Protein backbone atom coordinates (compact mmCIF):
# COMPACT_ATOMS: atom_id res chain seq x y z
CA MET A 1 21.95 0.33 31.37
CA PRO A 2 20.99 2.22 28.19
CA LYS A 3 22.54 1.01 24.99
CA THR A 4 24.92 3.30 23.18
CA PRO A 5 23.91 4.09 19.60
CA LYS A 6 25.87 2.18 17.02
CA SER A 7 26.91 3.94 13.82
CA SER A 8 25.85 2.35 10.54
CA PRO A 9 28.49 0.85 8.26
CA PRO A 10 29.82 3.03 5.43
CA LYS A 11 27.69 3.00 2.28
CA THR A 12 29.56 1.23 -0.50
CA ALA A 13 28.87 1.45 -4.22
CA ARG A 14 27.59 -2.14 -4.21
CA THR A 15 25.04 -1.56 -1.44
CA LYS A 16 23.83 1.62 -3.15
CA ALA A 17 23.45 -0.23 -6.46
CA ASN A 18 21.61 -3.12 -4.81
CA ARG A 19 19.21 -0.77 -3.03
CA ALA A 20 18.55 1.13 -6.26
CA LYS A 21 17.93 -2.15 -8.12
CA ARG A 22 15.53 -3.35 -5.42
CA ARG A 23 13.68 -0.01 -5.48
CA ARG A 24 13.32 -0.20 -9.29
CA LEU A 25 12.09 -3.79 -9.16
CA LEU A 26 9.55 -3.01 -6.44
CA LEU A 27 8.32 0.04 -8.34
CA ALA A 28 7.93 -2.02 -11.54
CA LEU A 29 6.03 -4.69 -9.60
CA GLN A 30 3.72 -2.13 -7.99
CA GLN A 31 3.00 -0.52 -11.37
CA ALA A 32 2.27 -3.92 -12.94
CA VAL A 33 -0.17 -4.79 -10.14
CA ARG A 34 -1.83 -1.37 -10.42
CA LYS A 35 -2.25 -1.77 -14.20
CA GLU A 36 -3.63 -5.30 -13.83
CA LYS A 37 -6.15 -4.15 -11.22
CA ALA A 38 -7.28 -1.26 -13.42
CA GLU A 39 -7.75 -3.57 -16.43
CA ARG A 40 -9.63 -6.09 -14.31
CA ALA A 41 -11.94 -3.41 -12.90
CA GLU A 42 -12.55 -2.12 -16.42
CA ARG A 43 -13.42 -5.61 -17.70
CA HIS A 44 -15.81 -6.21 -14.82
CA ALA A 45 -17.49 -2.83 -15.29
CA GLY A 46 -17.94 -3.61 -18.99
CA ILE A 47 -19.49 -6.98 -18.21
CA ARG A 48 -21.96 -5.56 -15.70
CA GLN A 49 -23.15 -2.65 -17.82
CA GLU A 50 -24.24 -4.74 -20.81
CA PRO A 51 -27.87 -5.89 -20.56
CA ARG A 52 -28.45 -9.63 -20.73
CA ALA A 53 -29.81 -10.86 -24.06
CA GLY A 54 -33.17 -12.65 -23.91
CA LYS A 55 -34.35 -12.69 -20.31
CA PRO A 56 -34.84 -9.46 -18.38
CA ARG A 57 -32.85 -9.06 -15.19
CA THR A 58 -34.66 -10.62 -12.26
CA ARG A 59 -33.81 -11.11 -8.62
CA ARG A 60 -31.89 -14.28 -7.92
CA ALA A 61 -33.15 -16.71 -5.30
CA SER A 62 -31.23 -16.70 -2.05
CA ARG A 63 -28.54 -19.35 -1.87
CA ARG A 64 -29.46 -20.24 1.69
């Protein structure tokens, strides 16, 4: 037999506040991660673009 759809409970002020808080926290976390990734990528790009002092760049021997 097919199940009858069940209505959701009424939305209280507390549940609305909790959902809003969770949304804000998740958004802040996502933004922090995005910023960290951007800074990391920038640092790595800066490291790679600078030429090495002394020796010229040569091919590295295979690690195998």
